[in-house]
């Protein structure tokens, strides 16, 4: 790579001496912080002084950790990079241990006394959001003795997920696929989707049958693991005085029950939109009978020429121009000032991500190979980067970290704007159809599939909370019925799909997946309003990106006219999906 296509880590530390100086100052800060252990309750000034030191320490640690991680990811085989990263992790452990007293001590302060401190001390208002969050959590925090007991069981509680991971990732052997030439290839969990995308129906069917034959073989064991995980979650919720495990999860997510229920209700009311797309997919595949194992085949694959990074850069800038001059100029700065490490190279970390570095700027890791999908990856990661840029520029380091409920919205908004730009400007009918199809598949997988998972989790948890005895077969039948509901009459719901629930690792992080569906729904509404050039909307959107976590996610999104508690938000996203389906059909018929 040329220098301009590599990260400039000197923006964090110009030389190693600066890094060492920052580490030294951080350790000094941590020593000062220790002086406040045991005395926070004594005065509002002690709380302010402690948080002020904490804020400065976080700023320093963010730079130290980013520097170590980014260097390591550039060359993960370099011994010096490995040592640097391990050192950063060790500093992180020391940091966490040192500041671990703060939240418990604040929690122990009488609520009225703490509120009085906030009112009487103007300085402390800088940390008011953080303090009020602790107050809100207090009703769900147990006594010290009880918290210690729960903490002691933390490893036991994670045993079900660990056992599931070990069983399915290391001990499962699925067997061999016989390809069209009679050659045998071992099927693994990682290459399963590759076989499902094969143009050869026999290969797809073999892969599907091998996968679920193995899961059926161990179904009772996995069922016991999962039901135990759900019981652990429901018991913990009850101990912490939540009305349900779902309530515990959504409150932890900076969300609420209305959001979760509105999503599932809307998807159920508008399920026909998904059935319509499945019908179109069946017609495009020219199949009299479409099975579950046919869903991942792309029926429209145009012959794509490779694109250069310069061409990708131009396309992203042209598409996102609609977000305004300030936004676009900052994107140009990202491209021109080495925020992006562009190409794959030996020992570089794979994949792509964006990492905001407070007080510096975001960094994007990319592995650009010239596929058209790589253009979308750039737009997506730069969406994260711009969110971090605006949030970090506006908020203090404690309030800058936006919550997981909105973490994927800016990135997905960029993806949708780019895709719509590509659709509008593509003259070749086949290429246009492929772009539309890929956007539809992204929405199907992120909105409908995740909503199906969310509905499954909700039903299972409710049944456990109502003391209903469940078997692995009960879970399988519930999951099978949901597949019939979500895919409709145009797809054969093969018997084996009833065992798919047993291979979803996200189910061991209860009620996680619904955030994918709410996120893509919000992004669709935001992108549509931006593309429709609604007056003042871009300014509202940028203002939302600046807020960090200073407001609840639901309130943040209301700033851009997106109400996650309103069923019509999800219906609006599904209307977008339905319209895209119609556009695809009109091009291909």
Protein backbone atom coordinates (compact mmCIF):
# COMPACT_ATOMS: atom_id res chain seq x y z
CA UNK A 1 0.00 0.00 0.00
CA UNK A 2 1.02 3.57 -0.61
CA UNK A 3 1.38 5.71 2.49
CA UNK A 4 -1.85 7.62 1.73
CA UNK A 5 -3.75 4.30 1.90
CA UNK A 6 -2.47 3.43 5.38
CA UNK A 7 -3.40 4.69 8.82
CA UNK A 8 -1.51 7.64 10.18
CA UNK A 9 -1.15 6.59 13.82
CA UNK A 10 1.03 9.65 14.47
CA UNK A 11 -2.27 11.53 14.86
CA UNK A 12 -2.55 9.69 18.19
CA UNK A 13 1.12 9.81 19.26
CA UNK A 14 3.78 11.42 17.09
CA UNK A 15 6.48 9.22 18.65
CA UNK A 16 6.81 6.40 21.15
CA UNK A 17 7.96 8.82 23.85
CA UNK A 18 4.52 10.49 23.76
CA UNK A 19 2.85 7.11 24.25
CA UNK A 20 5.08 6.38 27.28
CA UNK A 21 4.37 9.83 28.72
CA UNK A 22 0.61 9.24 28.38
CA UNK A 23 0.90 5.87 30.14
CA UNK A 24 2.84 7.53 32.96
CA UNK A 25 0.22 10.28 33.34
CA UNK A 26 -2.61 7.74 33.32
CA UNK A 27 -0.99 5.81 36.15
CA UNK A 28 -0.57 9.04 38.12
CA UNK A 29 -4.28 9.76 37.57
CA UNK A 30 -5.22 6.32 38.80
CA UNK A 31 -3.16 6.80 41.96
CA UNK A 32 -5.01 10.06 42.64
CA UNK A 33 -8.34 8.34 42.03
CA UNK A 34 -7.59 5.78 44.74
CA UNK A 35 -7.59 8.60 47.31
CA UNK A 36 -11.36 8.96 46.88
CA UNK A 37 -12.18 5.36 47.70
CA UNK A 38 -14.39 5.28 50.78
CA UNK A 39 -15.05 9.04 50.94
CA UNK A 40 -17.41 9.75 48.01
CA UNK A 41 -20.46 9.93 50.28
CA UNK A 42 -18.86 12.69 52.38
CA UNK A 43 -19.40 15.57 49.94
CA UNK A 44 -20.51 16.57 46.46
CA UNK A 45 -17.03 18.00 45.90
CA UNK A 46 -15.46 14.59 46.48
CA UNK A 47 -17.81 13.14 43.85
CA UNK A 48 -16.94 15.90 41.39
CA UNK A 49 -13.18 15.56 41.97
CA UNK A 50 -13.37 11.80 41.57
CA UNK A 51 -15.36 11.96 38.32
CA UNK A 52 -13.15 14.71 36.97
CA UNK A 53 -10.09 12.50 37.47
CA UNK A 54 -12.01 9.56 36.01
CA UNK A 55 -12.93 11.56 32.90
CA UNK A 56 -9.29 12.55 32.30
CA UNK A 57 -8.19 8.96 32.86
CA UNK A 58 -10.72 7.64 30.33
CA UNK A 59 -9.49 10.14 27.71
CA UNK A 60 -5.91 8.96 28.21
CA UNK A 61 -6.79 5.28 28.24
CA UNK A 62 -8.85 5.56 25.02
CA UNK A 63 -5.78 6.88 23.19
CA UNK A 64 -3.43 4.32 24.75
CA UNK A 65 -5.70 1.38 23.97
CA UNK A 66 -6.49 2.57 20.43
CA UNK A 67 -2.81 3.02 19.63
CA UNK A 68 -1.98 -0.49 20.83
CA UNK A 69 -4.95 -2.19 19.16
CA UNK A 70 -4.62 -0.42 15.81
CA UNK A 71 -0.89 -1.18 15.59
CA UNK A 72 -1.56 -4.81 16.47
CA UNK A 73 -4.26 -5.16 13.81
CA UNK A 74 -1.92 -3.86 11.11
CA UNK A 75 0.41 -6.80 11.69
CA UNK A 76 -0.83 -9.42 14.12
CA UNK A 77 2.32 -11.53 13.75
CA UNK A 78 4.74 -8.77 14.75
CA UNK A 79 6.14 -9.57 18.20
CA UNK A 80 6.51 -5.90 19.19
CA UNK A 81 2.88 -5.20 18.23
CA UNK A 82 1.73 -8.24 20.22
CA UNK A 83 3.65 -7.06 23.30
CA UNK A 84 2.29 -3.52 22.92
CA UNK A 85 -1.30 -4.77 22.70
CA UNK A 86 -0.89 -7.11 25.68
CA UNK A 87 0.51 -4.20 27.64
CA UNK A 88 -2.52 -2.08 26.72
CA UNK A 89 -4.82 -4.89 27.89
CA UNK A 90 -2.93 -5.10 31.18
CA UNK A 91 -3.29 -1.32 31.63
CA UNK A 92 -7.01 -1.76 30.94
CA UNK A 93 -7.29 -4.39 33.66
CA UNK A 94 -5.50 -2.09 36.12
CA UNK A 95 -7.78 0.78 35.08
CA UNK A 96 -10.96 -1.30 35.63
CA UNK A 97 -9.81 -2.48 39.04
CA UNK A 98 -8.93 1.03 40.18
CA UNK A 99 -12.25 2.63 39.22
CA UNK A 100 -14.45 -0.33 40.26
CA UNK A 101 -15.26 1.33 43.61
CA UNK A 102 -17.01 4.36 42.08
CA UNK A 103 -20.42 2.95 41.09
CA UNK A 104 -20.95 0.82 44.23
CA UNK A 105 -20.07 3.79 46.47
CA UNK A 106 -22.41 6.14 44.59
CA UNK A 107 -25.10 3.44 44.81
CA UNK A 108 -24.70 3.31 48.60
CA UNK A 109 -25.40 7.04 48.97
CA UNK A 110 -28.98 7.78 50.00
CA UNK A 111 -30.94 8.85 46.91
CA UNK A 112 -32.23 12.10 48.44
CA UNK A 113 -28.72 13.00 49.58
CA UNK A 114 -27.31 12.31 46.11
CA UNK A 115 -30.01 14.41 44.43
CA UNK A 116 -29.22 17.22 46.86
CA UNK A 117 -25.53 16.99 45.90
CA UNK A 118 -26.47 17.30 42.22
CA UNK A 119 -28.63 20.36 42.90
CA UNK A 120 -26.18 22.19 45.16
CA UNK A 121 -22.98 21.73 43.14
CA UNK A 122 -22.91 23.31 39.64
CA UNK A 123 -19.68 21.49 38.78
CA UNK A 124 -21.22 18.08 39.36
CA UNK A 125 -23.90 18.73 36.74
CA UNK A 126 -21.31 17.72 34.14
CA UNK A 127 -21.78 14.15 35.39
CA UNK A 128 -25.49 14.38 36.19
CA UNK A 129 -26.56 11.91 33.50
CA UNK A 130 -24.18 9.26 34.83
CA UNK A 131 -25.30 9.82 38.43
CA UNK A 132 -29.00 9.68 37.55
CA UNK A 133 -28.41 6.41 35.70
CA UNK A 134 -26.95 4.95 38.89
CA UNK A 135 -29.96 6.20 40.86
CA UNK A 136 -32.32 4.55 38.37
CA UNK A 137 -30.44 1.24 38.63
CA UNK A 138 -30.51 1.28 42.44
CA UNK A 139 -33.92 -0.39 42.68
CA UNK A 140 -32.48 -3.39 40.85
CA UNK A 141 -29.25 -3.61 42.83
CA UNK A 142 -29.21 -6.08 45.70
CA UNK A 143 -27.39 -5.88 49.01
CA UNK A 144 -23.59 -6.22 48.97
CA UNK A 145 -23.84 -9.76 50.27
CA UNK A 146 -26.39 -10.76 47.62
CA UNK A 147 -24.41 -9.07 44.85
CA UNK A 148 -21.30 -10.95 45.98
CA UNK A 149 -23.21 -14.24 45.86
CA UNK A 150 -24.43 -13.52 42.32
CA UNK A 151 -20.93 -12.45 41.27
CA UNK A 152 -19.54 -15.71 42.65
CA UNK A 153 -21.88 -17.61 40.35
CA UNK A 154 -20.99 -15.60 37.22
CA UNK A 155 -18.78 -18.37 35.81
CA UNK A 156 -21.46 -20.95 36.52
CA UNK A 157 -24.05 -18.78 34.76
CA UNK A 158 -21.91 -18.60 31.61
CA UNK A 159 -21.35 -22.37 31.57
CA UNK A 160 -24.35 -23.10 29.32
CA UNK A 161 -23.10 -20.79 26.57
CA UNK A 162 -19.54 -22.11 26.92
CA UNK A 163 -20.76 -25.70 26.71
CA UNK A 164 -22.88 -24.86 23.63
CA UNK A 165 -19.88 -23.17 21.94
CA UNK A 166 -17.52 -26.07 22.68
CA UNK A 167 -20.03 -28.70 21.58
CA UNK A 168 -21.05 -27.04 18.31
CA UNK A 169 -17.73 -25.47 17.30
CA UNK A 170 -15.23 -28.16 18.21
CA UNK A 171 -17.03 -31.47 18.57
CA UNK A 172 -19.57 -31.40 15.76
CA UNK A 173 -18.49 -33.16 12.56
CA UNK A 174 -21.12 -32.75 9.87
CA UNK A 175 -19.73 -35.03 7.18
CA UNK A 176 -18.79 -34.51 3.55
CA UNK A 177 -20.53 -32.81 0.63
CA UNK A 178 -20.23 -34.52 -2.74
CA UNK A 179 -19.96 -31.85 -5.45
CA UNK A 180 -21.20 -32.03 -9.05
CA UNK A 181 -17.89 -33.62 -10.09
CA UNK A 182 -18.11 -36.37 -7.49
CA UNK A 183 -15.44 -34.83 -5.24
CA UNK A 184 -15.87 -34.86 -1.46
CA UNK A 185 -15.46 -31.74 0.69
CA UNK A 186 -15.93 -31.59 4.44
CA UNK A 187 -18.79 -29.36 5.51
CA UNK A 188 -18.16 -27.12 8.51
CA UNK A 189 -20.21 -24.47 10.22
CA UNK A 190 -18.13 -21.78 8.50
CA UNK A 191 -18.55 -23.06 4.94
CA UNK A 192 -22.21 -24.10 5.34
CA UNK A 193 -23.56 -20.83 3.91
CA UNK A 194 -21.18 -21.11 0.96
CA UNK A 195 -22.83 -24.43 0.05
CA UNK A 196 -26.30 -22.93 0.61
CA UNK A 197 -25.47 -20.27 -1.99
CA UNK A 198 -24.44 -22.89 -4.57
CA UNK A 199 -26.29 -22.83 -7.89
CA UNK A 200 -26.49 -26.62 -7.65
CA UNK A 201 -29.68 -27.65 -5.82
CA UNK A 202 -28.29 -31.04 -4.85
CA UNK A 203 -25.34 -29.40 -3.03
CA UNK A 204 -27.69 -27.04 -1.17
CA UNK A 205 -29.94 -29.93 -0.14
CA UNK A 206 -26.99 -32.06 1.02
CA UNK A 207 -25.64 -29.20 3.16
CA UNK A 208 -29.05 -28.49 4.69
CA UNK A 209 -29.66 -32.14 5.54
CA UNK A 210 -26.18 -32.68 6.98
CA UNK A 211 -26.44 -29.58 9.17
CA UNK A 212 -29.75 -30.44 10.79
CA UNK A 213 -29.11 -34.18 11.01
CA UNK A 214 -26.29 -33.34 13.42
CA UNK A 215 -28.34 -30.84 15.44
CA UNK A 216 -31.24 -33.30 15.68
CA UNK A 217 -28.80 -35.91 17.03
CA UNK A 218 -27.86 -33.61 19.95
CA UNK A 219 -31.21 -31.84 20.27
CA UNK A 220 -32.03 -32.91 23.82
CA UNK A 221 -28.59 -31.86 25.10
CA UNK A 222 -28.81 -28.45 23.42
CA UNK A 223 -32.40 -28.09 24.59
CA UNK A 224 -31.31 -28.61 28.18
CA UNK A 225 -28.52 -26.05 27.78
CA UNK A 226 -30.82 -23.43 26.30
CA UNK A 227 -33.71 -23.95 28.73
CA UNK A 228 -31.22 -23.71 31.62
CA UNK A 229 -29.92 -20.43 30.17
CA UNK A 230 -33.46 -19.06 29.96
CA UNK A 231 -34.20 -20.17 33.54
CA UNK A 232 -31.04 -18.47 34.78
CA UNK A 233 -32.14 -15.26 33.04
CA UNK A 234 -35.69 -15.37 34.40
CA UNK A 235 -34.51 -16.11 37.96
CA UNK A 236 -32.00 -13.25 37.86
CA UNK A 237 -34.71 -10.88 36.60
CA UNK A 238 -36.99 -11.88 39.46
CA UNK A 239 -34.22 -11.48 42.04
CA UNK A 240 -33.50 -8.00 40.70
CA UNK A 241 -37.17 -7.03 41.01
CA UNK A 242 -37.99 -6.82 37.30
CA UNK A 243 -41.45 -7.89 36.18
CA UNK A 244 -39.93 -10.16 33.53
CA UNK A 245 -36.67 -11.15 31.91
CA UNK A 246 -37.73 -9.15 28.84
CA UNK A 247 -38.17 -6.02 30.95
CA UNK A 248 -34.68 -6.54 32.41
CA UNK A 249 -33.19 -6.89 28.93
CA UNK A 250 -34.85 -3.87 27.31
CA UNK A 251 -34.09 -1.56 30.24
CA UNK A 252 -30.46 -2.65 30.09
CA UNK A 253 -30.54 -1.84 26.35
CA UNK A 254 -31.74 1.74 26.94
CA UNK A 255 -35.07 0.59 25.46
CA UNK A 256 -38.46 -0.49 26.80
CA UNK A 257 -41.23 -3.07 26.42
CA UNK A 258 -43.26 -0.84 24.07
CA UNK A 259 -40.40 -0.89 21.55
CA UNK A 260 -40.09 -4.70 21.58
CA UNK A 261 -43.82 -5.32 21.38
CA UNK A 262 -44.43 -2.68 18.67
CA UNK A 263 -41.81 -4.35 16.46
CA UNK A 264 -43.35 -7.83 16.74
CA UNK A 265 -46.92 -6.54 16.36
CA UNK A 266 -46.05 -4.55 13.22
CA UNK A 267 -44.18 -7.44 11.58
CA UNK A 268 -47.10 -9.78 12.30
CA UNK A 269 -49.59 -7.35 10.81
CA UNK A 270 -47.47 -6.81 7.67
CA UNK A 271 -46.18 -10.37 7.19
CA UNK A 272 -47.67 -10.45 3.69
CA UNK A 273 -44.87 -8.13 2.51
CA UNK A 274 -42.34 -10.86 3.27
CA UNK A 275 -44.50 -13.51 1.61
CA UNK A 276 -44.65 -11.34 -1.52
CA UNK A 277 -40.86 -11.11 -1.69
CA UNK A 278 -40.53 -14.87 -1.17
CA UNK A 279 -42.95 -15.37 -4.09
CA UNK A 280 -40.84 -13.07 -6.31
CA UNK A 281 -37.67 -14.93 -5.28
CA UNK A 282 -39.32 -18.23 -6.21
CA UNK A 283 -40.24 -16.88 -9.66
CA UNK A 284 -36.73 -15.49 -10.22
CA UNK A 285 -35.26 -18.89 -9.34
CA UNK A 286 -37.72 -20.43 -11.85
CA UNK A 287 -38.70 -23.11 -9.34
CA UNK A 288 -42.05 -24.86 -9.15
CA UNK A 289 -41.27 -25.64 -5.52
CA UNK A 290 -38.92 -23.51 -3.43
CA UNK A 291 -37.47 -24.97 -0.24
CA UNK A 292 -35.91 -23.31 2.79
CA UNK A 293 -32.48 -24.38 1.49
CA UNK A 294 -33.07 -22.35 -1.70
CA UNK A 295 -33.46 -19.02 0.15
CA UNK A 296 -29.77 -18.07 0.08
CA UNK A 297 -29.24 -18.48 -3.68
CA UNK A 298 -28.87 -15.18 -5.49
CA UNK A 299 -31.03 -15.43 -8.63
CA UNK A 300 -29.59 -12.24 -10.13
CA UNK A 301 -25.82 -12.18 -10.30
CA UNK A 302 -24.53 -9.77 -12.91
CA UNK A 303 -20.97 -10.06 -14.14
CA UNK A 304 -19.28 -7.31 -12.19
CA UNK A 305 -16.05 -5.62 -13.20
CA UNK A 306 -13.69 -4.88 -10.32
CA UNK A 307 -13.76 -1.32 -9.00
CA UNK A 308 -10.75 0.67 -7.85
CA UNK A 309 -10.65 2.31 -4.43
CA UNK A 310 -10.72 5.72 -6.14
CA UNK A 311 -13.92 4.74 -7.96
CA UNK A 312 -15.43 3.46 -4.72
CA UNK A 313 -14.45 6.66 -2.94
CA UNK A 314 -16.12 8.79 -5.63
CA UNK A 315 -19.30 6.71 -5.49
CA UNK A 316 -19.53 7.00 -1.70
CA UNK A 317 -18.93 10.77 -1.78
CA UNK A 318 -21.47 11.27 -4.58
CA UNK A 319 -24.11 9.21 -2.79
CA UNK A 320 -23.61 10.82 0.63
CA UNK A 321 -23.49 14.34 -0.77
CA UNK A 322 -27.16 14.54 0.22
CA UNK A 323 -26.01 14.71 3.87
CA UNK A 324 -24.64 18.20 3.35
CA UNK A 325 -21.39 20.02 2.79
CA UNK A 326 -20.04 19.72 6.35
CA UNK A 327 -20.62 15.96 6.42
CA UNK A 328 -19.13 15.45 2.95
CA UNK A 329 -16.07 17.58 3.70
CA UNK A 330 -15.38 15.47 6.79
CA UNK A 331 -15.65 12.32 4.66
CA UNK A 332 -13.11 13.82 2.24
CA UNK A 333 -10.84 14.48 5.22
CA UNK A 334 -11.19 10.82 6.23
CA UNK A 335 -10.14 9.69 2.73
CA UNK A 336 -7.35 12.22 2.33
CA UNK A 337 -5.89 12.29 5.85
CA UNK A 338 -5.32 8.56 6.28
CA UNK A 339 -8.20 7.65 8.57
CA UNK A 340 -8.63 4.46 6.50
CA UNK A 341 -6.27 1.50 6.16
CA UNK A 342 -7.47 0.30 2.79
CA UNK A 343 -6.13 -3.00 1.46
CA UNK A 344 -5.60 -6.52 2.85
CA UNK A 345 -2.02 -7.57 3.51
CA UNK A 346 -0.24 -10.40 5.21
CA UNK A 347 -1.02 -10.69 8.95
CA UNK A 348 -3.45 -7.76 8.88
CA UNK A 349 -6.75 -8.33 10.72
CA UNK A 350 -9.59 -9.36 8.42
CA UNK A 351 -13.02 -7.77 8.11
CA UNK A 352 -13.83 -4.12 8.65
CA UNK A 353 -14.59 -1.82 11.57
CA UNK A 354 -14.58 1.80 12.67
CA UNK A 355 -13.00 2.89 15.94
CA UNK A 356 -13.56 6.36 17.34
CA UNK A 357 -10.59 7.76 19.26
CA UNK A 358 -11.67 10.56 21.58
CA UNK A 359 -9.65 13.74 21.11
CA UNK A 360 -8.19 12.50 17.79
CA UNK A 361 -10.51 11.17 15.05
CA UNK A 362 -12.02 7.82 14.06
CA UNK A 363 -10.02 5.12 12.26
CA UNK A 364 -11.48 2.66 9.73
CA UNK A 365 -10.00 -0.77 9.07
CA UNK A 366 -10.90 -2.04 5.60
CA UNK A 367 -9.83 -4.96 3.42
CA UNK A 368 -10.77 -3.64 -0.01
CA UNK A 369 -10.54 -6.16 -2.87
CA UNK A 370 -12.56 -4.30 -5.52
CA UNK A 371 -15.96 -6.03 -5.28
CA UNK A 372 -19.01 -3.80 -5.45
CA UNK A 373 -19.96 -4.95 -1.96
CA UNK A 374 -16.75 -3.26 -0.75
CA UNK A 375 -18.26 0.12 -1.66
CA UNK A 376 -21.14 -0.53 0.72
CA UNK A 377 -18.67 -1.58 3.45
CA UNK A 378 -16.87 1.77 3.16
CA UNK A 379 -20.14 3.72 3.38
CA UNK A 380 -21.22 1.62 6.39
CA UNK A 381 -18.00 2.05 8.37
CA UNK A 382 -17.83 5.76 7.60
CA UNK A 383 -21.35 6.04 9.01
CA UNK A 384 -19.97 4.73 12.31
CA UNK A 385 -17.02 7.10 11.98
CA UNK A 386 -19.16 10.19 11.45
CA UNK A 387 -21.38 9.25 14.39
CA UNK A 388 -18.27 8.96 16.58
CA UNK A 389 -16.80 12.16 15.15
CA UNK A 390 -19.88 14.27 15.95
CA UNK A 391 -20.47 12.66 19.33
CA UNK A 392 -16.84 12.96 20.44
CA UNK A 393 -16.60 16.54 19.23
CA UNK A 394 -19.70 17.61 21.19
CA UNK A 395 -19.77 15.55 24.40
CA UNK A 396 -17.35 14.77 27.19
CA UNK A 397 -15.75 11.35 26.96
CA UNK A 398 -18.20 9.79 29.45
CA UNK A 399 -21.28 10.99 27.56
CA UNK A 400 -19.89 10.47 24.05
CA UNK A 401 -20.38 6.70 23.83
CA UNK A 402 -23.74 6.13 22.18
CA UNK A 403 -25.69 3.06 23.25
CA UNK A 404 -26.12 -0.20 21.35
CA UNK A 405 -29.75 0.71 20.49
CA UNK A 406 -28.52 3.35 18.03
CA UNK A 407 -25.00 2.07 17.29
CA UNK A 408 -25.87 0.62 13.85
CA UNK A 409 -28.31 3.29 12.69
CA UNK A 410 -25.89 5.84 11.17
CA UNK A 411 -23.95 3.09 9.38
CA UNK A 412 -27.08 1.40 7.96
CA UNK A 413 -28.51 4.79 6.94
CA UNK A 414 -25.39 5.33 4.83
CA UNK A 415 -25.74 1.86 3.28
CA UNK A 416 -29.34 2.54 2.26
CA UNK A 417 -28.55 5.99 0.84
CA UNK A 418 -25.70 4.48 -1.19
CA UNK A 419 -27.87 1.60 -2.48
CA UNK A 420 -30.65 3.98 -3.54
CA UNK A 421 -28.06 6.16 -5.30
CA UNK A 422 -26.69 3.12 -7.12
CA UNK A 423 -30.18 1.95 -8.12
CA UNK A 424 -31.09 5.39 -9.46
CA UNK A 425 -27.91 5.75 -11.50
CA UNK A 426 -27.48 2.19 -12.83
CA UNK A 427 -28.49 1.89 -16.49
CA UNK A 428 -27.93 -1.86 -16.88
CA UNK A 429 -31.19 -3.63 -15.93
CA UNK A 430 -29.50 -6.76 -14.56
CA UNK A 431 -27.07 -4.79 -12.40
CA UNK A 432 -29.90 -2.57 -11.16
CA UNK A 433 -31.94 -5.66 -10.26
CA UNK A 434 -29.00 -7.16 -8.39
CA UNK A 435 -28.53 -4.03 -6.26
CA UNK A 436 -32.26 -3.98 -5.42
CA UNK A 437 -32.20 -7.70 -4.62
CA UNK A 438 -29.21 -7.36 -2.27
CA UNK A 439 -30.89 -4.46 -0.44
CA UNK A 440 -34.08 -6.52 -0.09
CA UNK A 441 -32.10 -9.49 1.24
CA UNK A 442 -30.34 -7.28 3.78
CA UNK A 443 -33.71 -5.99 5.04
CA UNK A 444 -35.28 -9.49 5.05
CA UNK A 445 -32.39 -10.90 7.08
CA UNK A 446 -32.17 -7.93 9.44
CA UNK A 447 -35.83 -7.04 9.94
CA UNK A 448 -37.98 -10.14 9.35
CA UNK A 449 -35.53 -12.87 10.36
CA UNK A 450 -34.44 -11.08 13.54
CA UNK A 451 -38.08 -10.30 14.40
CA UNK A 452 -38.81 -14.03 14.08
CA UNK A 453 -35.94 -14.77 16.47
CA UNK A 454 -37.24 -12.07 18.84
CA UNK A 455 -40.73 -13.57 18.79
CA UNK A 456 -39.32 -17.04 19.52
CA UNK A 457 -37.32 -15.74 22.49
CA UNK A 458 -40.28 -13.85 23.90
CA UNK A 459 -42.55 -16.92 23.77
CA UNK A 460 -39.94 -19.24 25.30
CA UNK A 461 -39.15 -16.87 28.17
CA UNK A 462 -42.85 -16.27 28.87
CA UNK A 463 -43.56 -20.01 29.02
CA UNK A 464 -40.65 -20.58 31.43
CA UNK A 465 -41.80 -17.65 33.61
CA UNK A 466 -45.27 -19.19 33.73
CA UNK A 467 -43.70 -22.47 34.97
CA UNK A 468 -44.57 -24.34 31.81
CA UNK A 469 -42.44 -27.44 31.31
CA UNK A 470 -40.70 -27.33 27.93
CA UNK A 471 -38.82 -30.01 26.02
CA UNK A 472 -36.46 -29.65 23.08
CA UNK A 473 -39.27 -30.95 20.87
CA UNK A 474 -41.60 -28.20 22.17
CA UNK A 475 -39.00 -25.60 21.19
CA UNK A 476 -38.64 -27.19 17.77
CA UNK A 477 -42.39 -27.18 17.13
CA UNK A 478 -42.67 -23.55 18.22
CA UNK A 479 -39.82 -22.60 15.89
CA UNK A 480 -41.31 -24.58 13.00
CA UNK A 481 -44.66 -22.79 13.35
CA UNK A 482 -42.90 -19.42 13.30
CA UNK A 483 -41.11 -20.37 10.08
CA UNK A 484 -44.44 -21.25 8.47
CA UNK A 485 -45.87 -17.90 9.55
CA UNK A 486 -42.88 -15.83 8.40
CA UNK A 487 -42.21 -17.52 5.03
CA UNK A 488 -45.76 -18.26 3.91
CA UNK A 489 -47.24 -20.54 1.29
CA UNK A 490 -44.67 -19.89 -1.46
CA UNK A 491 -41.89 -21.71 0.37
CA UNK A 492 -41.80 -25.36 1.43
CA UNK A 493 -41.04 -25.32 5.16
CA UNK A 494 -38.83 -28.38 5.35
CA UNK A 495 -39.12 -30.47 8.50
CA UNK A 496 -35.43 -30.04 9.34
CA UNK A 497 -35.73 -26.26 9.78
CA UNK A 498 -37.50 -26.89 13.09
CA UNK A 499 -34.05 -27.60 14.56
CA UNK A 500 -32.48 -24.31 13.44
CA UNK A 501 -33.14 -22.64 16.81
CA UNK A 502 -30.56 -25.03 18.28
CA UNK A 503 -27.72 -23.50 16.25
CA UNK A 504 -28.39 -19.78 16.96
CA UNK A 505 -25.66 -18.61 19.38
CA UNK A 506 -27.38 -15.24 19.91
CA UNK A 507 -30.09 -16.98 21.93
CA UNK A 508 -27.54 -17.35 24.75
CA UNK A 509 -27.51 -13.52 24.96
CA UNK A 510 -31.23 -13.14 25.71
CA UNK A 511 -33.23 -10.58 23.73
CA UNK A 512 -30.22 -9.29 21.79
CA UNK A 513 -31.38 -9.72 18.20
CA UNK A 514 -34.41 -7.38 18.19
CA UNK A 515 -32.01 -4.41 18.10
CA UNK A 516 -30.97 -5.38 14.56
CA UNK A 517 -34.62 -5.09 13.48
CA UNK A 518 -35.31 -1.80 15.27
CA UNK A 519 -32.02 -0.40 13.96
CA UNK A 520 -32.66 -1.18 10.29
CA UNK A 521 -36.25 0.13 10.62
CA UNK A 522 -35.01 3.44 12.02
CA UNK A 523 -32.31 3.66 9.33
CA UNK A 524 -34.86 3.12 6.55
CA UNK A 525 -37.08 5.94 7.85
CA UNK A 526 -34.09 8.29 8.31
CA UNK A 527 -32.58 7.51 4.90
CA UNK A 528 -35.97 7.98 3.20
CA UNK A 529 -36.48 11.39 4.83
CA UNK A 530 -32.95 12.46 3.85
CA UNK A 531 -33.39 11.30 0.24
CA UNK A 532 -36.78 13.05 0.06
CA UNK A 533 -34.92 16.24 1.07
CA UNK A 534 -37.34 16.99 3.86
CA UNK A 535 -36.67 20.57 4.93
CA UNK A 536 -34.29 20.86 7.89
CA UNK A 537 -34.09 17.08 8.28
CA UNK A 538 -30.36 16.66 7.66
CA UNK A 539 -29.67 19.29 10.32
CA UNK A 540 -31.88 17.37 12.78
CA UNK A 541 -30.04 14.17 11.93
CA UNK A 542 -26.60 15.69 12.49
CA UNK A 543 -27.82 17.14 15.77
CA UNK A 544 -28.92 13.66 16.84
CA UNK A 545 -25.49 12.24 16.02
CA UNK A 546 -23.94 14.84 18.33
CA UNK A 547 -25.85 13.73 21.43
CA UNK A 548 -23.85 10.63 22.38
CA UNK A 549 -25.74 8.99 25.26
CA UNK A 550 -27.01 12.22 26.83
CA UNK A 551 -30.58 11.18 25.99
CA UNK A 552 -32.35 7.84 25.98
CA UNK A 553 -32.24 6.11 22.58
CA UNK A 554 -36.02 6.40 22.14
CA UNK A 555 -35.86 10.14 22.82
CA UNK A 556 -32.82 10.59 20.57
CA UNK A 557 -34.62 9.06 17.62
CA UNK A 558 -37.66 11.23 18.21
CA UNK A 559 -35.33 14.13 17.30
CA UNK A 560 -35.47 12.77 13.72
CA UNK A 561 -39.17 11.87 13.79
CA UNK A 562 -38.58 8.16 14.44
CA UNK A 563 -40.65 6.72 17.27
CA UNK A 564 -39.55 3.17 18.14
CA UNK A 565 -42.60 2.78 20.39
CA UNK A 566 -44.95 3.42 17.46
CA UNK A 567 -46.04 0.49 15.34
CA UNK A 568 -46.18 2.80 12.30
CA UNK A 569 -42.38 3.20 12.33
CA UNK A 570 -41.96 -0.48 11.51
CA UNK A 571 -44.87 -0.41 9.07
CA UNK A 572 -43.14 2.45 7.26
CA UNK A 573 -39.95 0.39 6.99
CA UNK A 574 -41.95 -2.59 5.71
CA UNK A 575 -43.65 -0.34 3.12
CA UNK A 576 -40.15 0.54 1.86
CA UNK A 577 -39.41 -3.21 1.59
CA UNK A 578 -42.68 -3.83 -0.24
CA UNK A 579 -42.03 -1.00 -2.72
CA UNK A 580 -38.54 -2.36 -3.43
CA UNK A 581 -40.04 -5.81 -4.07
CA UNK A 582 -42.44 -4.31 -6.60
CA UNK A 583 -39.59 -2.43 -8.29
CA UNK A 584 -37.56 -5.64 -8.54
CA UNK A 585 -40.52 -7.52 -10.02
CA UNK A 586 -41.22 -4.80 -12.60
CA UNK A 587 -37.58 -4.91 -13.79
CA UNK A 588 -37.36 -8.71 -13.96
CA UNK A 589 -40.78 -9.75 -15.28
